[in-house]
């Protein structure tokens, strides 16, 4: 397996597939996920803006035959002004998806490690990633990689 920068022209179909795959996977935990194919194009455009505006990367994990196994989208961000200045700038892993057949083989961990290495080259010491309640497999992966809860966001639907 290798981790490489995505080529938006060559990897576009795989990236769109990863977005839809994650939507379907997360739908089990969060029923507000759109499952229609146009959402992938719309969301990829948003991710491209995030990466361009905030300094970031799209990374792809390939197998030895060049088949895309998963991806990660990472970019810089700023925390709120009440956070210590030394910790305010952080790297945010906004998307992480591994194809179902490749799960459990270290692909996700390798993608996370690549993001952490990228953060170090930028001299950023804080990396954040989100996880939906109920996605215990992802949470276990993140915890094994050294991540811990930072904040909880609560929600209430009104009648």
C-alpha atoms as a PDB file:
ATOM      1  CA  UNK A   1       0.000   0.000   0.000  1.00  0.00           C
ATOM      2  CA  UNK A   2       1.123   3.532  -0.682  1.00  0.00           C
ATOM      3  CA  UNK A   3      -0.238   6.944   0.253  1.00  0.00           C
ATOM      4  CA  UNK A   4      -0.092   9.591  -2.454  1.00  0.00           C
ATOM      5  CA  UNK A   5      -1.536  12.955  -3.340  1.00  0.00           C
ATOM      6  CA  UNK A   6      -4.768  12.625  -5.254  1.00  0.00           C
ATOM      7  CA  UNK A   7      -4.842  13.600  -8.895  1.00  0.00           C
ATOM      8  CA  UNK A   8      -8.224  15.323  -9.160  1.00  0.00           C
ATOM      9  CA  UNK A   9      -8.534  14.523 -12.858  1.00  0.00           C
ATOM     10  CA  UNK A  10      -7.624  10.822 -12.581  1.00  0.00           C
ATOM     11  CA  UNK A  11      -9.030  10.052  -9.126  1.00  0.00           C
ATOM     12  CA  UNK A  12     -12.309  11.950  -9.397  1.00  0.00           C
ATOM     13  CA  UNK A  13     -14.525   8.881  -9.860  1.00  0.00           C
ATOM     14  CA  UNK A  14     -12.908   7.096  -6.922  1.00  0.00           C
ATOM     15  CA  UNK A  15     -13.294  10.226  -4.781  1.00  0.00           C
ATOM     16  CA  UNK A  16     -16.977  10.535  -5.685  1.00  0.00           C
ATOM     17  CA  UNK A  17     -17.398   6.863  -4.848  1.00  0.00           C
ATOM     18  CA  UNK A  18     -15.727   7.388  -1.469  1.00  0.00           C
ATOM     19  CA  UNK A  19     -18.113  10.250  -0.688  1.00  0.00           C
ATOM     20  CA  UNK A  20     -21.165   8.142  -1.548  1.00  0.00           C
ATOM     21  CA  UNK A  21     -19.711   5.176   0.316  1.00  0.00           C
ATOM     22  CA  UNK A  22     -19.281   7.263   3.441  1.00  0.00           C
ATOM     23  CA  UNK A  23     -22.778   8.712   3.095  1.00  0.00           C
ATOM     24  CA  UNK A  24     -24.229   5.175   2.960  1.00  0.00           C
ATOM     25  CA  UNK A  25     -22.044   4.002   5.840  1.00  0.00           C
ATOM     26  CA  UNK A  26     -22.932   6.991   8.052  1.00  0.00           C
ATOM     27  CA  UNK A  27     -26.634   6.731   7.226  1.00  0.00           C
ATOM     28  CA  UNK A  28     -26.765   3.775   9.626  1.00  0.00           C
ATOM     29  CA  UNK A  29     -25.752   6.129  12.467  1.00  0.00           C
ATOM     30  CA  UNK A  30     -27.228   9.369  11.171  1.00  0.00           C
ATOM     31  CA  UNK A  31     -30.404   9.277   9.089  1.00  0.00           C
ATOM     32  CA  UNK A  32     -29.959  12.848   7.834  1.00  0.00           C
ATOM     33  CA  UNK A  33     -27.353  11.760   5.264  1.00  0.00           C
ATOM     34  CA  UNK A  34     -28.233  12.291   1.613  1.00  0.00           C
ATOM     35  CA  UNK A  35     -27.855   9.202  -0.537  1.00  0.00           C
ATOM     36  CA  UNK A  36     -28.504  10.729  -3.969  1.00  0.00           C
ATOM     37  CA  UNK A  37     -25.543  10.757  -6.397  1.00  0.00           C
ATOM     38  CA  UNK A  38     -25.565  14.575  -6.915  1.00  0.00           C
ATOM     39  CA  UNK A  39     -24.493  15.027  -3.280  1.00  0.00           C
ATOM     40  CA  UNK A  40     -21.065  13.603  -4.122  1.00  0.00           C
ATOM     41  CA  UNK A  41     -20.370  16.249  -6.782  1.00  0.00           C
ATOM     42  CA  UNK A  42     -21.636  19.033  -4.521  1.00  0.00           C
ATOM     43  CA  UNK A  43     -19.629  17.871  -1.548  1.00  0.00           C
ATOM     44  CA  UNK A  44     -16.452  17.310  -3.562  1.00  0.00           C
ATOM     45  CA  UNK A  45     -16.707  20.899  -4.801  1.00  0.00           C
ATOM     46  CA  UNK A  46     -17.008  22.078  -1.182  1.00  0.00           C
ATOM     47  CA  UNK A  47     -13.994  20.002  -0.159  1.00  0.00           C
ATOM     48  CA  UNK A  48     -11.979  21.420  -3.053  1.00  0.00           C
ATOM     49  CA  UNK A  49     -12.804  24.941  -1.828  1.00  0.00           C
ATOM     50  CA  UNK A  50     -11.870  24.047   1.759  1.00  0.00           C
ATOM     51  CA  UNK A  51      -8.514  22.632   0.671  1.00  0.00           C
ATOM     52  CA  UNK A  52      -7.769  25.587  -1.632  1.00  0.00           C
ATOM     53  CA  UNK A  53      -8.811  28.266   0.860  1.00  0.00           C
ATOM     54  CA  UNK A  54      -7.284  26.734   3.983  1.00  0.00           C
ATOM     55  CA  UNK A  55      -4.189  24.992   2.716  1.00  0.00           C
ATOM     56  CA  UNK A  56      -4.791  21.281   2.540  1.00  0.00           C
ATOM     57  CA  UNK A  57      -4.451  18.027   0.679  1.00  0.00           C
ATOM     58  CA  UNK A  58      -6.399  15.126  -0.746  1.00  0.00           C
ATOM     59  CA  UNK A  59      -4.552  11.857  -0.147  1.00  0.00           C
ATOM     60  CA  UNK A  60      -5.330   8.451  -1.658  1.00  0.00           C
ATOM     61  CA  UNK A  61      -4.286   5.034  -0.378  1.00  0.00           C
ATOM     62  CA  UNK A  62      -3.538   2.639  -3.251  1.00  0.00           C
ATOM     63  CA  UNK A  63      -2.842  -1.076  -3.315  1.00  0.00           C
ATOM     64  CA  UNK A  64       0.107  -2.540  -5.243  1.00  0.00           C
ATOM     65  CA  UNK A  65      -2.016  -2.589  -8.428  1.00  0.00           C
ATOM     66  CA  UNK A  66      -2.899   1.102  -8.131  1.00  0.00           C
ATOM     67  CA  UNK A  67      -6.493   0.493  -6.981  1.00  0.00           C
ATOM     68  CA  UNK A  68      -7.716   3.237  -4.661  1.00  0.00           C
ATOM     69  CA  UNK A  69      -8.505   1.749  -1.239  1.00  0.00           C
ATOM     70  CA  UNK A  70      -9.466   4.918   0.603  1.00  0.00           C
ATOM     71  CA  UNK A  71      -8.848   8.586   1.016  1.00  0.00           C
ATOM     72  CA  UNK A  72      -8.447  11.407   3.467  1.00  0.00           C
ATOM     73  CA  UNK A  73      -9.053  15.133   3.137  1.00  0.00           C
ATOM     74  CA  UNK A  74      -7.047  17.341   5.450  1.00  0.00           C
ATOM     75  CA  UNK A  75      -6.685  21.083   5.807  1.00  0.00           C
ATOM     76  CA  UNK A  76      -5.643  23.751   8.243  1.00  0.00           C
ATOM     77  CA  UNK A  77      -8.188  25.612  10.349  1.00  0.00           C
ATOM     78  CA  UNK A  78      -8.355  28.050  13.235  1.00  0.00           C
ATOM     79  CA  UNK A  79      -9.994  27.372  16.557  1.00  0.00           C
ATOM     80  CA  UNK A  80     -11.835  30.068  18.486  1.00  0.00           C
ATOM     81  CA  UNK A  81     -10.055  33.078  19.944  1.00  0.00           C
ATOM     82  CA  UNK A  82     -10.507  31.745  23.487  1.00  0.00           C
ATOM     83  CA  UNK A  83      -8.106  28.857  22.696  1.00  0.00           C
ATOM     84  CA  UNK A  84      -4.448  29.467  23.525  1.00  0.00           C
ATOM     85  CA  UNK A  85      -2.712  31.005  20.538  1.00  0.00           C
ATOM     86  CA  UNK A  86      -0.142  28.180  20.453  1.00  0.00           C
ATOM     87  CA  UNK A  87      -2.982  25.678  19.923  1.00  0.00           C
ATOM     88  CA  UNK A  88      -5.370  27.797  17.885  1.00  0.00           C
ATOM     89  CA  UNK A  89      -4.110  26.743  14.448  1.00  0.00           C
ATOM     90  CA  UNK A  90      -4.899  23.074  13.895  1.00  0.00           C
ATOM     91  CA  UNK A  91      -5.084  20.488  11.168  1.00  0.00           C
ATOM     92  CA  UNK A  92      -8.545  19.100  10.552  1.00  0.00           C
ATOM     93  CA  UNK A  93      -9.129  15.684   9.027  1.00  0.00           C
ATOM     94  CA  UNK A  94     -12.443  16.468   7.380  1.00  0.00           C
ATOM     95  CA  UNK A  95     -12.950  13.192   5.500  1.00  0.00           C
ATOM     96  CA  UNK A  96     -11.606   9.707   6.009  1.00  0.00           C
ATOM     97  CA  UNK A  97     -13.003   6.703   4.191  1.00  0.00           C
ATOM     98  CA  UNK A  98     -11.675   3.220   3.527  1.00  0.00           C
ATOM     99  CA  UNK A  99     -13.376   0.871   1.086  1.00  0.00           C
ATOM    100  CA  UNK A 100     -15.171  -1.918   2.927  1.00  0.00           C
ATOM    101  CA  UNK A 101     -12.932  -4.670   1.508  1.00  0.00           C
ATOM    102  CA  UNK A 102      -9.801  -2.850   2.720  1.00  0.00           C
ATOM    103  CA  UNK A 103     -10.968  -2.164   6.280  1.00  0.00           C
ATOM    104  CA  UNK A 104      -9.038  -3.753   9.112  1.00  0.00           C
ATOM    105  CA  UNK A 105      -5.727  -3.764   7.199  1.00  0.00           C
ATOM    106  CA  UNK A 106      -4.212  -0.520   8.485  1.00  0.00           C
ATOM    107  CA  UNK A 107      -5.309   1.718   5.606  1.00  0.00           C
ATOM    108  CA  UNK A 108      -7.154   4.182   7.837  1.00  0.00           C
ATOM    109  CA  UNK A 109      -4.290   4.325  10.312  1.00  0.00           C
ATOM    110  CA  UNK A 110      -1.812   4.948   7.458  1.00  0.00           C
ATOM    111  CA  UNK A 111      -3.970   7.798   6.143  1.00  0.00           C
ATOM    112  CA  UNK A 112      -4.180   9.334   9.625  1.00  0.00           C
ATOM    113  CA  UNK A 113      -0.401   9.028  10.038  1.00  0.00           C
ATOM    114  CA  UNK A 114       0.109  10.794   6.689  1.00  0.00           C
ATOM    115  CA  UNK A 115      -2.047  13.683   7.928  1.00  0.00           C
ATOM    116  CA  UNK A 116      -0.070  13.860  11.151  1.00  0.00           C
ATOM    117  CA  UNK A 117       3.205  13.898   9.215  1.00  0.00           C
ATOM    118  CA  UNK A 118       1.831  16.697   7.040  1.00  0.00           C
ATOM    119  CA  UNK A 119       0.858  18.672  10.164  1.00  0.00           C
ATOM    120  CA  UNK A 120       4.383  18.281  11.538  1.00  0.00           C
ATOM    121  CA  UNK A 121       5.892  19.663   8.322  1.00  0.00           C
ATOM    122  CA  UNK A 122       3.668  22.713   8.811  1.00  0.00           C
ATOM    123  CA  UNK A 123       4.742  22.962  12.470  1.00  0.00           C
ATOM    124  CA  UNK A 124       1.169  22.458  13.648  1.00  0.00           C
ATOM    125  CA  UNK A 125       0.855  20.478  16.864  1.00  0.00           C
ATOM    126  CA  UNK A 126      -2.896  19.840  17.039  1.00  0.00           C
ATOM    127  CA  UNK A 127      -4.920  17.529  14.775  1.00  0.00           C
ATOM    128  CA  UNK A 128      -8.692  17.144  15.067  1.00  0.00           C
ATOM    129  CA  UNK A 129     -11.093  14.610  13.568  1.00  0.00           C
ATOM    130  CA  UNK A 130     -14.817  14.068  14.082  1.00  0.00           C
ATOM    131  CA  UNK A 131     -16.732  10.849  14.594  1.00  0.00           C
ATOM    132  CA  UNK A 132     -20.448  10.190  14.751  1.00  0.00           C
ATOM    133  CA  UNK A 133     -21.901   8.583  17.862  1.00  0.00           C
ATOM    134  CA  UNK A 134     -22.402   4.917  17.109  1.00  0.00           C
ATOM    135  CA  UNK A 135     -19.459   4.645  14.720  1.00  0.00           C
ATOM    136  CA  UNK A 136     -17.521   2.593  17.236  1.00  0.00           C
ATOM    137  CA  UNK A 137     -15.108   1.077  14.732  1.00  0.00           C
ATOM    138  CA  UNK A 138     -13.891   4.491  13.575  1.00  0.00           C
ATOM    139  CA  UNK A 139     -13.726   5.746  17.147  1.00  0.00           C
ATOM    140  CA  UNK A 140     -11.585   2.747  18.159  1.00  0.00           C
ATOM    141  CA  UNK A 141      -9.246   3.442  15.236  1.00  0.00           C
ATOM    142  CA  UNK A 142      -8.913   7.094  16.232  1.00  0.00           C
ATOM    143  CA  UNK A 143      -8.353   6.246  19.901  1.00  0.00           C
ATOM    144  CA  UNK A 144      -5.649   3.708  18.997  1.00  0.00           C
ATOM    145  CA  UNK A 145      -4.012   6.486  16.998  1.00  0.00           C
ATOM    146  CA  UNK A 146      -3.937   8.630  20.159  1.00  0.00           C
ATOM    147  CA  UNK A 147      -7.032  10.783  19.686  1.00  0.00           C
ATOM    148  CA  UNK A 148      -9.278  11.654  22.632  1.00  0.00           C
ATOM    149  CA  UNK A 149     -12.606  13.413  23.038  1.00  0.00           C
ATOM    150  CA  UNK A 150     -12.309  17.171  22.808  1.00  0.00           C
ATOM    151  CA  UNK A 151     -15.876  18.496  22.669  1.00  0.00           C
ATOM    152  CA  UNK A 152     -19.375  17.152  22.255  1.00  0.00           C
ATOM    153  CA  UNK A 153     -21.964  18.876  20.133  1.00  0.00           C
ATOM    154  CA  UNK A 154     -25.518  18.183  21.192  1.00  0.00           C
ATOM    155  CA  UNK A 155     -28.614  18.491  19.024  1.00  0.00           C
ATOM    156  CA  UNK A 156     -32.336  18.688  19.535  1.00  0.00           C
ATOM    157  CA  UNK A 157     -35.036  18.454  16.885  1.00  0.00           C
ATOM    158  CA  UNK A 158     -37.922  20.836  17.537  1.00  0.00           C
ATOM    159  CA  UNK A 159     -41.547  19.953  16.845  1.00  0.00           C
END
